[in-house]
Amino acid sequence: MMTNLRPSLGTATRWLSCLGAMLLAVSLPVSAAPLVINTEDYPPFNYADSQGNILGTATKILRTALRSADIDAEFRLLPWARAYTAARLREQHCVYSTTRTAERETLFRWAGPLVVNEWAAFSLAERNIQARSMDQLAALRVGSFREDAVGNYVEAQGIKVLRARNERENLARLDAGLVDVVVTGKATGEYLAGAQNLALQHLFTFYRAPLYLACHPSVSKQRMARLQDHLPSLGESYEVPSP
């Protein structure tokens, strides 16, 4: 008995429909593909609530600008080192809130600034540490976290910096007495300390750093310019900080 090897009309129709969808996806220009926008837990600028929604002042500004510029994007919350590395190495990936340093300048395309971050040194209030300048940190154990621009800046001043995995762990190490001082964004340090019922002493502020969206060079200049046109002005011009 011979077997009919021809596909049924319904099967052929479904196969052609799938083929058409695949061809459409392949033909979709990269410039129209959604961006993958990575960020970290860095309140109050970017963080996730208990339901996993990504919030924060920088997030709100960026979402509004993307919507106005008609740019689709998927937001993801990752550890900072992973978020930053993905934007460095993967096409159509971006990361925020990112400090725009001289050494990072040519690695990304930039849009912003979104917000301004004050870099500060903190100790535990109960320790009564009296450091008032960067030079005075040299005799102390200073904490930051991996790939953080604040820690990189302090380290470039010749000060040894002990790295945690993230900002929350950085403060936990301060509370446990593993470091004497943490260097971080002032708003972030105060926000997290309040959430953890940790009494900090603000020692001094040493820099004001605008924070940006940094995108892989595969994101077109035209797309970045369209996004930039829909970002609000912070009312100041900033130089790219040198190490």
C-alpha atoms as a PDB file:
ATOM      1  CA  MET A   1       0.000   0.000   0.000  1.00  0.00           C
ATOM      2  CA  MET A   2       1.415   3.410  -0.987  1.00  0.00           C
ATOM      3  CA  THR A   3       1.576   6.204   1.614  1.00  0.00           C
ATOM      4  CA  ASN A   4       0.631   9.757   0.662  1.00  0.00           C
ATOM      5  CA  LEU A   5       3.757  11.831   1.474  1.00  0.00           C
ATOM      6  CA  ARG A   6       2.270  15.170   0.426  1.00  0.00           C
ATOM      7  CA  PRO A   7       1.483  17.516   3.330  1.00  0.00           C
ATOM      8  CA  SER A   8      -2.129  18.370   3.958  1.00  0.00           C
ATOM      9  CA  LEU A   9      -3.401  21.802   2.955  1.00  0.00           C
ATOM     10  CA  GLY A  10      -3.628  22.813   6.628  1.00  0.00           C
ATOM     11  CA  THR A  11      -0.055  21.734   7.336  1.00  0.00           C
ATOM     12  CA  ALA A  12       1.256  23.555   4.273  1.00  0.00           C
ATOM     13  CA  THR A  13      -0.596  26.723   5.274  1.00  0.00           C
ATOM     14  CA  ARG A  14       0.852  26.649   8.786  1.00  0.00           C
ATOM     15  CA  TRP A  15       4.361  26.032   7.413  1.00  0.00           C
ATOM     16  CA  LEU A  16       4.097  28.971   5.013  1.00  0.00           C
ATOM     17  CA  SER A  17       2.800  31.185   7.838  1.00  0.00           C
ATOM     18  CA  CYS A  18       5.798  30.286  10.053  1.00  0.00           C
ATOM     19  CA  LEU A  19       8.180  30.845   7.154  1.00  0.00           C
ATOM     20  CA  GLY A  20       6.681  34.261   6.530  1.00  0.00           C
ATOM     21  CA  ALA A  21       7.085  35.233  10.197  1.00  0.00           C
ATOM     22  CA  MET A  22      10.730  34.121  10.170  1.00  0.00           C
ATOM     23  CA  LEU A  23      11.463  36.063   6.991  1.00  0.00           C
ATOM     24  CA  LEU A  24       9.799  39.143   8.457  1.00  0.00           C
ATOM     25  CA  ALA A  25      11.932  38.894  11.622  1.00  0.00           C
ATOM     26  CA  VAL A  26      15.099  38.521   9.559  1.00  0.00           C
ATOM     27  CA  SER A  27      14.180  41.485   7.372  1.00  0.00           C
ATOM     28  CA  LEU A  28      13.375  43.750  10.352  1.00  0.00           C
ATOM     29  CA  PRO A  29      16.030  46.485  10.410  1.00  0.00           C
ATOM     30  CA  VAL A  30      18.284  46.553  13.451  1.00  0.00           C
ATOM     31  CA  SER A  31      17.371  50.216  13.932  1.00  0.00           C
ATOM     32  CA  ALA A  32      13.769  49.137  14.619  1.00  0.00           C
ATOM     33  CA  ALA A  33      14.589  46.281  16.996  1.00  0.00           C
ATOM     34  CA  PRO A  34      13.728  46.887  20.667  1.00  0.00           C
ATOM     35  CA  LEU A  35      16.598  47.956  22.897  1.00  0.00           C
ATOM     36  CA  VAL A  36      17.560  45.841  25.890  1.00  0.00           C
ATOM     37  CA  ILE A  37      18.188  48.310  28.697  1.00  0.00           C
ATOM     38  CA  ASN A  38      19.999  46.925  31.724  1.00  0.00           C
ATOM     39  CA  THR A  39      20.268  48.582  35.100  1.00  0.00           C
ATOM     40  CA  GLU A  40      21.181  47.748  38.677  1.00  0.00           C
ATOM     41  CA  ASP A  41      19.794  48.132  42.164  1.00  0.00           C
ATOM     42  CA  TYR A  42      20.927  51.725  42.809  1.00  0.00           C
ATOM     43  CA  PRO A  43      18.125  53.662  44.507  1.00  0.00           C
ATOM     44  CA  PRO A  44      16.755  56.261  44.299  1.00  0.00           C
ATOM     45  CA  PHE A  45      17.813  56.389  40.621  1.00  0.00           C
ATOM     46  CA  ASN A  46      17.002  52.802  39.581  1.00  0.00           C
ATOM     47  CA  TYR A  47      15.703  49.835  41.589  1.00  0.00           C
ATOM     48  CA  ALA A  48      12.961  47.175  41.615  1.00  0.00           C
ATOM     49  CA  ASP A  49       9.937  47.099  43.898  1.00  0.00           C
ATOM     50  CA  SER A  50       8.624  43.949  45.581  1.00  0.00           C
ATOM     51  CA  GLN A  51       6.718  43.010  42.404  1.00  0.00           C
ATOM     52  CA  GLY A  52       9.823  43.311  40.243  1.00  0.00           C
ATOM     53  CA  ASN A  53       8.825  46.583  38.580  1.00  0.00           C
ATOM     54  CA  ILE A  54      11.861  48.730  37.757  1.00  0.00           C
ATOM     55  CA  LEU A  55      11.405  52.199  39.251  1.00  0.00           C
ATOM     56  CA  GLY A  56      13.462  55.238  40.263  1.00  0.00           C
ATOM     57  CA  THR A  57      13.989  58.839  39.236  1.00  0.00           C
ATOM     58  CA  ALA A  58      16.340  58.009  36.345  1.00  0.00           C
ATOM     59  CA  THR A  59      14.053  55.174  35.215  1.00  0.00           C
ATOM     60  CA  LYS A  60      11.031  57.467  35.073  1.00  0.00           C
ATOM     61  CA  ILE A  61      12.886  60.056  32.983  1.00  0.00           C
ATOM     62  CA  LEU A  62      14.245  57.409  30.612  1.00  0.00           C
ATOM     63  CA  ARG A  63      10.913  55.596  30.154  1.00  0.00           C
ATOM     64  CA  THR A  64       9.158  58.890  29.372  1.00  0.00           C
ATOM     65  CA  ALA A  65      11.782  59.855  26.790  1.00  0.00           C
ATOM     66  CA  LEU A  66      11.710  56.424  25.120  1.00  0.00           C
ATOM     67  CA  ARG A  67       7.935  56.550  24.855  1.00  0.00           C
ATOM     68  CA  SER A  68       8.013  60.074  23.401  1.00  0.00           C
ATOM     69  CA  ALA A  69      10.726  59.062  20.914  1.00  0.00           C
ATOM     70  CA  ASP A  70       8.722  55.956  19.904  1.00  0.00           C
ATOM     71  CA  ILE A  71      11.571  53.592  20.832  1.00  0.00           C
ATOM     72  CA  ASP A  72      10.665  50.147  22.173  1.00  0.00           C
ATOM     73  CA  ALA A  73      12.784  48.824  25.037  1.00  0.00           C
ATOM     74  CA  GLU A  74      12.928  45.946  27.465  1.00  0.00           C
ATOM     75  CA  PHE A  75      14.213  46.813  30.969  1.00  0.00           C
ATOM     76  CA  ARG A  76      16.186  44.293  33.049  1.00  0.00           C
ATOM     77  CA  LEU A  77      17.645  44.558  36.580  1.00  0.00           C
ATOM     78  CA  LEU A  78      21.033  42.818  36.941  1.00  0.00           C
ATOM     79  CA  PRO A  79      24.124  43.037  39.138  1.00  0.00           C
ATOM     80  CA  TRP A  80      26.078  46.081  37.963  1.00  0.00           C
ATOM     81  CA  ALA A  81      29.070  44.197  36.530  1.00  0.00           C
ATOM     82  CA  ARG A  82      26.763  42.027  34.386  1.00  0.00           C
ATOM     83  CA  ALA A  83      24.612  44.968  33.292  1.00  0.00           C
ATOM     84  CA  TYR A  84      27.677  46.977  32.283  1.00  0.00           C
ATOM     85  CA  THR A  85      29.403  44.064  30.497  1.00  0.00           C
ATOM     86  CA  ALA A  86      26.272  43.222  28.500  1.00  0.00           C
ATOM     87  CA  ALA A  87      26.096  46.786  27.184  1.00  0.00           C
ATOM     88  CA  ARG A  88      29.800  46.634  26.321  1.00  0.00           C
ATOM     89  CA  LEU A  89      29.624  43.384  24.390  1.00  0.00           C
ATOM     90  CA  ARG A  90      26.072  42.766  23.100  1.00  0.00           C
ATOM     91  CA  GLU A  91      24.408  44.525  20.191  1.00  0.00           C
ATOM     92  CA  GLN A  92      21.350  46.693  20.925  1.00  0.00           C
ATOM     93  CA  HIS A  93      22.079  46.561  24.679  1.00  0.00           C
ATOM     94  CA  CYS A  94      22.345  49.613  26.934  1.00  0.00           C
ATOM     95  CA  VAL A  95      23.004  50.315  30.613  1.00  0.00           C
ATOM     96  CA  TYR A  96      22.072  53.099  33.050  1.00  0.00           C
ATOM     97  CA  SER A  97      22.619  55.005  35.320  1.00  0.00           C
ATOM     98  CA  THR A  98      26.190  55.201  34.001  1.00  0.00           C
ATOM     99  CA  THR A  99      28.916  57.690  34.819  1.00  0.00           C
ATOM    100  CA  ARG A 100      30.451  59.057  31.598  1.00  0.00           C
ATOM    101  CA  THR A 101      34.181  58.871  32.261  1.00  0.00           C
ATOM    102  CA  ALA A 102      37.018  59.561  29.814  1.00  0.00           C
ATOM    103  CA  GLU A 103      37.996  55.884  29.731  1.00  0.00           C
ATOM    104  CA  ARG A 104      34.437  54.815  28.924  1.00  0.00           C
ATOM    105  CA  GLU A 105      33.752  57.569  26.385  1.00  0.00           C
ATOM    106  CA  THR A 106      34.599  55.679  23.176  1.00  0.00           C
ATOM    107  CA  LEU A 107      33.106  52.365  24.350  1.00  0.00           C
ATOM    108  CA  PHE A 108      29.476  53.472  24.079  1.00  0.00           C
ATOM    109  CA  ARG A 109      27.010  55.815  22.477  1.00  0.00           C
ATOM    110  CA  TRP A 110      25.564  58.168  25.101  1.00  0.00           C
ATOM    111  CA  ALA A 111      22.242  59.847  25.897  1.00  0.00           C
ATOM    112  CA  GLY A 112      21.669  62.123  28.852  1.00  0.00           C
ATOM    113  CA  PRO A 113      22.364  63.185  31.461  1.00  0.00           C
ATOM    114  CA  LEU A 114      19.374  61.657  33.210  1.00  0.00           C
ATOM    115  CA  VAL A 115      20.201  62.763  36.765  1.00  0.00           C
ATOM    116  CA  VAL A 116      23.196  64.067  38.715  1.00  0.00           C
ATOM    117  CA  ASN A 117      24.904  61.929  41.342  1.00  0.00           C
ATOM    118  CA  GLU A 118      26.988  63.420  44.160  1.00  0.00           C
ATOM    119  CA  TRP A 119      29.925  61.214  45.137  1.00  0.00           C
ATOM    120  CA  ALA A 120      30.534  61.116  48.871  1.00  0.00           C
ATOM    121  CA  ALA A 121      32.412  59.322  51.637  1.00  0.00           C
ATOM    122  CA  PHE A 122      30.500  57.887  54.611  1.00  0.00           C
ATOM    123  CA  SER A 123      31.382  56.160  57.863  1.00  0.00           C
ATOM    124  CA  LEU A 124      29.230  54.792  60.645  1.00  0.00           C
ATOM    125  CA  ALA A 125      28.081  57.608  62.910  1.00  0.00           C
ATOM    126  CA  GLU A 126      29.197  55.670  65.990  1.00  0.00           C
ATOM    127  CA  ARG A 127      32.787  55.456  64.720  1.00  0.00           C
ATOM    128  CA  ASN A 128      33.306  59.235  64.834  1.00  0.00           C
ATOM    129  CA  ILE A 129      35.828  59.202  61.970  1.00  0.00           C
ATOM    130  CA  GLN A 130      37.075  62.695  61.171  1.00  0.00           C
ATOM    131  CA  ALA A 131      38.273  62.355  57.549  1.00  0.00           C
ATOM    132  CA  ARG A 132      37.456  65.514  55.585  1.00  0.00           C
ATOM    133  CA  SER A 133      39.462  65.050  52.382  1.00  0.00           C
ATOM    134  CA  MET A 134      40.507  62.397  49.893  1.00  0.00           C
ATOM    135  CA  ASP A 135      44.073  62.340  51.266  1.00  0.00           C
ATOM    136  CA  GLN A 136      42.795  61.380  54.706  1.00  0.00           C
ATOM    137  CA  LEU A 137      41.116  58.256  53.282  1.00  0.00           C
ATOM    138  CA  ALA A 138      44.519  56.734  52.523  1.00  0.00           C
ATOM    139  CA  ALA A 139      44.946  55.588  56.141  1.00  0.00           C
ATOM    140  CA  LEU A 140      41.491  53.938  56.222  1.00  0.00           C
ATOM    141  CA  ARG A 141      39.870  50.817  54.764  1.00  0.00           C
ATOM    142  CA  VAL A 142      37.702  52.147  51.946  1.00  0.00           C
ATOM    143  CA  GLY A 143      34.850  50.141  50.408  1.00  0.00           C
ATOM    144  CA  SER A 144      33.126  50.289  47.038  1.00  0.00           C
ATOM    145  CA  PHE A 145      31.796  47.644  44.628  1.00  0.00           C
ATOM    146  CA  ARG A 146      32.796  46.029  41.333  1.00  0.00           C
ATOM    147  CA  GLU A 147      32.953  48.184  38.183  1.00  0.00           C
ATOM    148  CA  ASP A 148      31.701  51.216  40.115  1.00  0.00           C
ATOM    149  CA  ALA A 149      32.910  54.576  38.781  1.00  0.00           C
ATOM    150  CA  VAL A 150      33.056  56.082  42.288  1.00  0.00           C
ATOM    151  CA  GLY A 151      35.434  53.388  43.496  1.00  0.00           C
ATOM    152  CA  ASN A 152      37.431  53.634  40.258  1.00  0.00           C
ATOM    153  CA  TYR A 153      37.863  57.377  40.768  1.00  0.00           C
ATOM    154  CA  VAL A 154      39.017  56.992  44.365  1.00  0.00           C
ATOM    155  CA  GLU A 155      41.389  54.184  43.405  1.00  0.00           C
ATOM    156  CA  ALA A 156      42.877  56.410  40.700  1.00  0.00           C
ATOM    157  CA  GLN A 157      43.829  58.860  43.468  1.00  0.00           C
ATOM    158  CA  GLY A 158      46.174  56.186  44.850  1.00  0.00           C
ATOM    159  CA  ILE A 159      43.817  54.917  47.558  1.00  0.00           C
ATOM    160  CA  LYS A 160      43.273  51.185  47.999  1.00  0.00           C
ATOM    161  CA  VAL A 161      39.614  50.258  47.525  1.00  0.00           C
ATOM    162  CA  LEU A 162      38.048  47.007  48.770  1.00  0.00           C
ATOM    163  CA  ARG A 163      35.324  45.805  46.395  1.00  0.00           C
ATOM    164  CA  ALA A 164      31.992  44.225  47.332  1.00  0.00           C
ATOM    165  CA  ARG A 165      29.597  42.585  44.868  1.00  0.00           C
ATOM    166  CA  ASN A 166      27.069  45.414  45.056  1.00  0.00           C
ATOM    167  CA  GLU A 167      26.107  48.538  46.964  1.00  0.00           C
ATOM    168  CA  ARG A 168      23.986  46.798  49.594  1.00  0.00           C
ATOM    169  CA  GLU A 169      26.853  44.441  50.423  1.00  0.00           C
ATOM    170  CA  ASN A 170      29.175  47.451  50.550  1.00  0.00           C
ATOM    171  CA  LEU A 171      27.075  48.985  53.336  1.00  0.00           C
ATOM    172  CA  ALA A 172      26.730  45.631  55.086  1.00  0.00           C
ATOM    173  CA  ARG A 173      30.533  45.379  55.219  1.00  0.00           C
ATOM    174  CA  LEU A 174      30.666  48.873  56.734  1.00  0.00           C
ATOM    175  CA  ASP A 175      28.122  47.840  59.373  1.00  0.00           C
ATOM    176  CA  ALA A 176      30.133  44.673  60.127  1.00  0.00           C
ATOM    177  CA  GLY A 177      33.359  46.644  60.611  1.00  0.00           C
ATOM    178  CA  LEU A 178      35.093  45.151  57.550  1.00  0.00           C
ATOM    179  CA  VAL A 179      35.685  48.634  56.114  1.00  0.00           C
ATOM    180  CA  ASP A 180      35.972  52.018  57.793  1.00  0.00           C
ATOM    181  CA  VAL A 181      34.512  54.167  55.021  1.00  0.00           C
ATOM    182  CA  VAL A 182      32.367  53.618  51.939  1.00  0.00           C
ATOM    183  CA  VAL A 183      32.487  55.834  48.861  1.00  0.00           C
ATOM    184  CA  THR A 184      29.216  55.970  46.964  1.00  0.00           C
ATOM    185  CA  GLY A 185      26.528  58.209  45.565  1.00  0.00           C
ATOM    186  CA  LYS A 186      25.266  60.438  48.369  1.00  0.00           C
ATOM    187  CA  ALA A 187      21.568  59.907  47.611  1.00  0.00           C
ATOM    188  CA  THR A 188      22.046  56.146  47.253  1.00  0.00           C
ATOM    189  CA  GLY A 189      24.037  55.790  50.463  1.00  0.00           C
ATOM    190  CA  GLU A 190      21.461  57.746  52.444  1.00  0.00           C
ATOM    191  CA  TYR A 191      18.542  55.884  50.850  1.00  0.00           C
ATOM    192  CA  LEU A 192      19.936  52.411  51.534  1.00  0.00           C
ATOM    193  CA  ALA A 193      21.106  53.338  55.025  1.00  0.00           C
ATOM    194  CA  GLY A 194      17.609  54.541  55.872  1.00  0.00           C
ATOM    195  CA  ALA A 195      16.095  51.307  54.548  1.00  0.00           C
ATOM    196  CA  GLN A 196      18.552  49.271  56.670  1.00  0.00           C
ATOM    197  CA  ASN A 197      18.163  51.499  59.761  1.00  0.00           C
ATOM    198  CA  LEU A 198      21.872  52.266  59.587  1.00  0.00           C
ATOM    199  CA  ALA A 199      23.154  55.557  61.031  1.00  0.00           C
ATOM    200  CA  LEU A 200      25.758  57.038  58.669  1.00  0.00           C
ATOM    201  CA  GLN A 201      28.036  60.022  59.059  1.00  0.00           C
ATOM    202  CA  HIS A 202      28.531  62.018  55.854  1.00  0.00           C
ATOM    203  CA  LEU A 203      32.246  62.835  55.824  1.00  0.00           C
ATOM    204  CA  PHE A 204      32.537  64.909  52.648  1.00  0.00           C
ATOM    205  CA  THR A 205      31.344  65.164  49.027  1.00  0.00           C
ATOM    206  CA  PHE A 206      34.080  65.092  46.407  1.00  0.00           C
ATOM    207  CA  TYR A 207      32.392  65.099  42.983  1.00  0.00           C
ATOM    208  CA  ARG A 208      29.126  65.796  41.136  1.00  0.00           C
ATOM    209  CA  ALA A 209      28.700  63.248  38.351  1.00  0.00           C
ATOM    210  CA  PRO A 210      25.923  63.320  35.741  1.00  0.00           C
ATOM    211  CA  LEU A 211      24.523  59.859  34.987  1.00  0.00           C
ATOM    212  CA  TYR A 212      23.717  58.686  31.453  1.00  0.00           C
ATOM    213  CA  LEU A 213      22.312  55.896  29.329  1.00  0.00           C
ATOM    214  CA  ALA A 214      25.271  54.117  27.690  1.00  0.00           C
ATOM    215  CA  CYS A 215      24.553  51.966  24.621  1.00  0.00           C
ATOM    216  CA  HIS A 216      26.521  49.485  22.538  1.00  0.00           C
ATOM    217  CA  PRO A 217      27.863  51.127  19.326  1.00  0.00           C
ATOM    218  CA  SER A 218      25.421  48.987  17.303  1.00  0.00           C
ATOM    219  CA  VAL A 219      22.645  51.358  18.451  1.00  0.00           C
ATOM    220  CA  SER A 220      22.498  53.902  15.636  1.00  0.00           C
ATOM    221  CA  LYS A 221      23.522  57.522  16.065  1.00  0.00           C
ATOM    222  CA  GLN A 222      20.145  58.551  14.652  1.00  0.00           C
ATOM    223  CA  ARG A 223      18.299  56.554  17.298  1.00  0.00           C
ATOM    224  CA  MET A 224      20.408  57.980  20.094  1.00  0.00           C
ATOM    225  CA  ALA A 225      19.880  61.517  18.754  1.00  0.00           C
ATOM    226  CA  ARG A 226      16.110  60.988  18.659  1.00  0.00           C
ATOM    227  CA  LEU A 227      16.172  59.819  22.266  1.00  0.00           C
ATOM    228  CA  GLN A 228      18.391  62.748  23.286  1.00  0.00           C
ATOM    229  CA  ASP A 229      15.888  65.180  21.768  1.00  0.00           C
ATOM    230  CA  HIS A 230      13.218  63.883  24.152  1.00  0.00           C
ATOM    231  CA  LEU A 231      15.300  63.996  27.343  1.00  0.00           C
ATOM    232  CA  PRO A 232      14.820  67.014  29.619  1.00  0.00           C
ATOM    233  CA  SER A 233      17.708  69.407  30.093  1.00  0.00           C
ATOM    234  CA  LEU A 234      19.243  69.499  33.559  1.00  0.00           C
ATOM    235  CA  GLY A 235      20.132  73.129  33.033  1.00  0.00           C
ATOM    236  CA  GLU A 236      23.899  72.668  33.261  1.00  0.00           C
ATOM    237  CA  SER A 237      26.731  71.515  31.007  1.00  0.00           C
ATOM    238  CA  TYR A 238      29.176  68.942  32.309  1.00  0.00           C
ATOM    239  CA  GLU A 239      32.645  67.890  31.309  1.00  0.00           C
ATOM    240  CA  VAL A 240      33.501  64.213  31.013  1.00  0.00           C
ATOM    241  CA  PRO A 241      35.346  63.409  34.263  1.00  0.00           C
ATOM    242  CA  SER A 242      38.928  62.219  34.042  1.00  0.00           C
ATOM    243  CA  PRO A 243      40.259  59.553  36.392  1.00  0.00           C
END
